[in-house]
Amino acid sequence: MCNLILLLLLAAPFPVMANDAQPAAANPALEARVQKISGELRCLVCQNQTIADSNAELAVDLKNQTREMLQRGMNEQQVINFMVERYGDFVLYRPPVKSTTWLLWFGPFLAFIGGLAALYLKLRRRRDSPEQALSPEEHKAASKLLNDEP
């Protein structure tokens, strides 16, 4: 009995958090189209997930809005164009390559090449610079340290 009370007291501070299940689709073809489009749109809250993968409120709203637009007769491209018009190219999980997204697409490669060039120049300068000889005092101190002399 004491163990049961202790177990209940320990479990009490941990309420169970559960989300409501998505309702079963009345139209599986529509839901497949919604999932396809949702896989192409970025969650504006999470930013590293598609709205299909995200449970953020905005992502759920965008999925519902996508569903409504498809029910009204819009095709997939019209829905995507609407989202891009409203939120910009950032809403696309794979934004197009154009002048405004060049830095997004090619920036990491340019940074990598710049880093390699900086490393090459640093190593070349180090190789070409003359070795600095130790002064007699530094040489004596180094010898003491290497020979463990007091």
C-alpha atoms as a PDB file:
ATOM      1  CA  MET A   1       0.000   0.000   0.000  1.00  0.00           C
ATOM      2  CA  CYS A   2       2.832   2.362   0.913  1.00  0.00           C
ATOM      3  CA  ASN A   3       4.557   1.613  -2.402  1.00  0.00           C
ATOM      4  CA  LEU A   4       1.390   2.413  -4.316  1.00  0.00           C
ATOM      5  CA  ILE A   5       1.017   5.788  -2.592  1.00  0.00           C
ATOM      6  CA  LEU A   6       4.681   6.576  -3.201  1.00  0.00           C
ATOM      7  CA  LEU A   7       4.317   5.666  -6.882  1.00  0.00           C
ATOM      8  CA  LEU A   8       1.234   7.891  -7.253  1.00  0.00           C
ATOM      9  CA  LEU A   9       3.007  10.794  -5.547  1.00  0.00           C
ATOM     10  CA  LEU A  10       6.002  10.445  -7.835  1.00  0.00           C
ATOM     11  CA  ALA A  11       3.881  10.227 -10.984  1.00  0.00           C
ATOM     12  CA  ALA A  12       1.585  13.134 -10.073  1.00  0.00           C
ATOM     13  CA  PRO A  13       3.922  15.959 -11.201  1.00  0.00           C
ATOM     14  CA  PHE A  14       4.205  14.490 -14.702  1.00  0.00           C
ATOM     15  CA  PRO A  15       0.949  15.181 -16.563  1.00  0.00           C
ATOM     16  CA  VAL A  16       0.542  13.432 -19.857  1.00  0.00           C
ATOM     17  CA  MET A  17       0.675  15.750 -22.864  1.00  0.00           C
ATOM     18  CA  ALA A  18      -1.012  14.293 -25.941  1.00  0.00           C
ATOM     19  CA  ASN A  19      -2.058  15.871 -29.206  1.00  0.00           C
ATOM     20  CA  ASP A  20      -5.379  15.123 -30.799  1.00  0.00           C
ATOM     21  CA  ALA A  21      -5.177  12.624 -33.622  1.00  0.00           C
ATOM     22  CA  GLN A  22      -5.688  13.969 -37.101  1.00  0.00           C
ATOM     23  CA  PRO A  23      -9.177  13.127 -38.351  1.00  0.00           C
ATOM     24  CA  ALA A  24      -9.361  10.332 -40.868  1.00  0.00           C
ATOM     25  CA  ALA A  25      -9.400  11.726 -44.368  1.00  0.00           C
ATOM     26  CA  ALA A  26     -12.767  11.724 -46.051  1.00  0.00           C
ATOM     27  CA  ASN A  27     -10.944  12.011 -49.389  1.00  0.00           C
ATOM     28  CA  PRO A  28      -7.656  10.061 -49.485  1.00  0.00           C
ATOM     29  CA  ALA A  29      -6.710  11.537 -52.879  1.00  0.00           C
ATOM     30  CA  LEU A  30      -7.050  15.064 -51.457  1.00  0.00           C
ATOM     31  CA  GLU A  31      -4.978  14.140 -48.403  1.00  0.00           C
ATOM     32  CA  ALA A  32      -2.262  12.706 -50.655  1.00  0.00           C
ATOM     33  CA  ARG A  33      -2.140  16.011 -52.562  1.00  0.00           C
ATOM     34  CA  VAL A  34      -2.020  17.955 -49.273  1.00  0.00           C
ATOM     35  CA  GLN A  35       0.874  15.773 -48.066  1.00  0.00           C
ATOM     36  CA  LYS A  36       2.730  16.238 -51.354  1.00  0.00           C
ATOM     37  CA  ILE A  37       2.477  20.033 -51.147  1.00  0.00           C
ATOM     38  CA  SER A  38       3.192  20.013 -47.403  1.00  0.00           C
ATOM     39  CA  GLY A  39       6.439  18.182 -48.133  1.00  0.00           C
ATOM     40  CA  GLU A  40       7.535  21.066 -50.363  1.00  0.00           C
ATOM     41  CA  LEU A  41       6.792  23.900 -47.916  1.00  0.00           C
ATOM     42  CA  ARG A  42       9.054  24.907 -45.018  1.00  0.00           C
ATOM     43  CA  CYS A  43       7.656  25.386 -41.539  1.00  0.00           C
ATOM     44  CA  LEU A  44       8.177  29.068 -40.844  1.00  0.00           C
ATOM     45  CA  VAL A  45       8.430  28.379 -37.101  1.00  0.00           C
ATOM     46  CA  CYS A  46      10.746  25.347 -37.115  1.00  0.00           C
ATOM     47  CA  GLN A  47      12.636  26.365 -40.286  1.00  0.00           C
ATOM     48  CA  ASN A  48      14.350  22.992 -40.601  1.00  0.00           C
ATOM     49  CA  GLN A  49      11.227  20.916 -41.169  1.00  0.00           C
ATOM     50  CA  THR A  50       8.542  20.780 -43.776  1.00  0.00           C
ATOM     51  CA  ILE A  51       5.027  21.633 -42.687  1.00  0.00           C
ATOM     52  CA  ALA A  52       4.201  17.956 -43.199  1.00  0.00           C
ATOM     53  CA  ASP A  53       6.707  17.030 -40.458  1.00  0.00           C
ATOM     54  CA  SER A  54       5.975  19.908 -38.089  1.00  0.00           C
ATOM     55  CA  ASN A  55       3.360  20.079 -35.343  1.00  0.00           C
ATOM     56  CA  ALA A  56       3.682  23.838 -34.865  1.00  0.00           C
ATOM     57  CA  GLU A  57       0.390  25.736 -34.921  1.00  0.00           C
ATOM     58  CA  LEU A  58       1.401  27.730 -38.000  1.00  0.00           C
ATOM     59  CA  ALA A  59       2.310  24.526 -39.858  1.00  0.00           C
ATOM     60  CA  VAL A  60      -1.067  23.000 -39.017  1.00  0.00           C
ATOM     61  CA  ASP A  61      -2.772  26.215 -40.200  1.00  0.00           C
ATOM     62  CA  LEU A  62      -0.801  26.140 -43.472  1.00  0.00           C
ATOM     63  CA  LYS A  63      -1.772  22.487 -44.038  1.00  0.00           C
ATOM     64  CA  ASN A  64      -5.428  23.332 -43.403  1.00  0.00           C
ATOM     65  CA  GLN A  65      -5.181  26.330 -45.730  1.00  0.00           C
ATOM     66  CA  THR A  66      -3.597  24.102 -48.381  1.00  0.00           C
ATOM     67  CA  ARG A  67      -6.442  21.593 -47.971  1.00  0.00           C
ATOM     68  CA  GLU A  68      -9.038  24.352 -48.330  1.00  0.00           C
ATOM     69  CA  MET A  69      -7.414  25.770 -51.463  1.00  0.00           C
ATOM     70  CA  LEU A  70      -7.288  22.322 -53.063  1.00  0.00           C
ATOM     71  CA  GLN A  71     -10.958  21.760 -52.176  1.00  0.00           C
ATOM     72  CA  ARG A  72     -11.796  25.045 -53.920  1.00  0.00           C
ATOM     73  CA  GLY A  73     -10.279  23.664 -57.128  1.00  0.00           C
ATOM     74  CA  MET A  74      -6.769  25.138 -57.131  1.00  0.00           C
ATOM     75  CA  ASN A  75      -3.990  22.896 -58.434  1.00  0.00           C
ATOM     76  CA  GLU A  76      -0.701  22.167 -56.621  1.00  0.00           C
ATOM     77  CA  GLN A  77       1.288  24.830 -58.473  1.00  0.00           C
ATOM     78  CA  GLN A  78      -1.317  27.505 -57.749  1.00  0.00           C
ATOM     79  CA  VAL A  79      -1.187  26.661 -54.023  1.00  0.00           C
ATOM     80  CA  ILE A  80       2.618  26.806 -53.988  1.00  0.00           C
ATOM     81  CA  ASN A  81       2.572  30.089 -55.943  1.00  0.00           C
ATOM     82  CA  PHE A  82       0.126  31.535 -53.408  1.00  0.00           C
ATOM     83  CA  MET A  83       2.381  30.530 -50.499  1.00  0.00           C
ATOM     84  CA  VAL A  84       5.474  31.968 -52.221  1.00  0.00           C
ATOM     85  CA  GLU A  85       3.600  35.189 -52.987  1.00  0.00           C
ATOM     86  CA  ARG A  86       2.537  35.462 -49.361  1.00  0.00           C
ATOM     87  CA  TYR A  87       5.712  34.310 -47.558  1.00  0.00           C
ATOM     88  CA  GLY A  88       8.472  34.610 -50.172  1.00  0.00           C
ATOM     89  CA  ASP A  89      10.879  31.976 -51.477  1.00  0.00           C
ATOM     90  CA  PHE A  90      11.828  31.102 -47.897  1.00  0.00           C
ATOM     91  CA  VAL A  91       8.621  29.077 -47.550  1.00  0.00           C
ATOM     92  CA  LEU A  92       9.889  26.646 -50.201  1.00  0.00           C
ATOM     93  CA  TYR A  93      11.878  23.795 -48.700  1.00  0.00           C
ATOM     94  CA  ARG A  94      13.963  23.736 -51.899  1.00  0.00           C
ATOM     95  CA  PRO A  95      14.046  27.357 -53.101  1.00  0.00           C
ATOM     96  CA  PRO A  96      14.774  27.960 -56.792  1.00  0.00           C
ATOM     97  CA  VAL A  97      18.229  29.011 -57.971  1.00  0.00           C
ATOM     98  CA  LYS A  98      17.898  32.661 -58.965  1.00  0.00           C
ATOM     99  CA  SER A  99      19.742  35.902 -58.302  1.00  0.00           C
ATOM    100  CA  THR A 100      18.147  36.452 -54.905  1.00  0.00           C
ATOM    101  CA  THR A 101      19.032  32.947 -53.683  1.00  0.00           C
ATOM    102  CA  TRP A 102      22.572  32.601 -55.087  1.00  0.00           C
ATOM    103  CA  LEU A 103      24.120  33.231 -51.692  1.00  0.00           C
ATOM    104  CA  LEU A 104      21.899  30.556 -50.163  1.00  0.00           C
ATOM    105  CA  TRP A 105      22.878  27.986 -52.787  1.00  0.00           C
ATOM    106  CA  PHE A 106      26.520  28.857 -53.414  1.00  0.00           C
ATOM    107  CA  GLY A 107      27.535  30.606 -50.157  1.00  0.00           C
ATOM    108  CA  PRO A 108      28.609  27.430 -48.326  1.00  0.00           C
ATOM    109  CA  PHE A 109      30.809  26.383 -51.249  1.00  0.00           C
ATOM    110  CA  LEU A 110      32.363  29.850 -51.463  1.00  0.00           C
ATOM    111  CA  ALA A 111      33.041  29.833 -47.712  1.00  0.00           C
ATOM    112  CA  PHE A 112      34.663  26.376 -48.004  1.00  0.00           C
ATOM    113  CA  ILE A 113      36.869  27.477 -50.916  1.00  0.00           C
ATOM    114  CA  GLY A 114      37.775  30.674 -49.028  1.00  0.00           C
ATOM    115  CA  GLY A 115      38.750  28.620 -45.971  1.00  0.00           C
ATOM    116  CA  LEU A 116      40.920  26.328 -48.072  1.00  0.00           C
ATOM    117  CA  ALA A 117      42.610  29.331 -49.696  1.00  0.00           C
ATOM    118  CA  ALA A 118      43.288  30.927 -46.295  1.00  0.00           C
ATOM    119  CA  LEU A 119      44.731  27.656 -44.974  1.00  0.00           C
ATOM    120  CA  TYR A 120      46.938  27.281 -48.050  1.00  0.00           C
ATOM    121  CA  LEU A 121      48.267  30.846 -47.707  1.00  0.00           C
ATOM    122  CA  LYS A 122      48.907  30.405 -43.980  1.00  0.00           C
ATOM    123  CA  LEU A 123      50.821  27.150 -44.504  1.00  0.00           C
ATOM    124  CA  ARG A 124      52.787  28.649 -47.395  1.00  0.00           C
ATOM    125  CA  ARG A 125      53.791  31.692 -45.318  1.00  0.00           C
ATOM    126  CA  ARG A 126      54.840  29.420 -42.471  1.00  0.00           C
ATOM    127  CA  ARG A 127      56.975  27.302 -44.830  1.00  0.00           C
ATOM    128  CA  ASP A 128      58.603  30.334 -46.475  1.00  0.00           C
ATOM    129  CA  SER A 129      59.366  32.243 -43.269  1.00  0.00           C
ATOM    130  CA  PRO A 130      62.859  31.745 -41.848  1.00  0.00           C
ATOM    131  CA  GLU A 131      63.122  29.815 -38.622  1.00  0.00           C
ATOM    132  CA  GLN A 132      63.852  32.081 -35.700  1.00  0.00           C
ATOM    133  CA  ALA A 133      66.847  30.860 -33.774  1.00  0.00           C
ATOM    134  CA  LEU A 134      66.770  30.851 -29.983  1.00  0.00           C
ATOM    135  CA  SER A 135      68.829  33.383 -28.117  1.00  0.00           C
ATOM    136  CA  PRO A 136      71.621  31.930 -25.928  1.00  0.00           C
ATOM    137  CA  GLU A 137      69.498  32.494 -22.804  1.00  0.00           C
ATOM    138  CA  GLU A 138      66.469  30.748 -24.355  1.00  0.00           C
ATOM    139  CA  HIS A 139      68.698  27.891 -25.548  1.00  0.00           C
ATOM    140  CA  LYS A 140      70.105  27.449 -22.021  1.00  0.00           C
ATOM    141  CA  ALA A 141      66.586  27.500 -20.478  1.00  0.00           C
ATOM    142  CA  ALA A 142      65.365  24.954 -22.999  1.00  0.00           C
ATOM    143  CA  SER A 143      68.307  22.664 -22.287  1.00  0.00           C
ATOM    144  CA  LYS A 144      67.583  22.834 -18.560  1.00  0.00           C
ATOM    145  CA  LEU A 145      63.951  21.902 -19.165  1.00  0.00           C
ATOM    146  CA  LEU A 146      64.848  19.019 -21.467  1.00  0.00           C
ATOM    147  CA  ASN A 147      67.524  17.643 -19.171  1.00  0.00           C
ATOM    148  CA  ASP A 148      65.452  18.179 -16.015  1.00  0.00           C
ATOM    149  CA  GLU A 149      68.183  20.277 -14.492  1.00  0.00           C
ATOM    150  CA  PRO A 150      67.191  22.570 -11.620  1.00  0.00           C
END
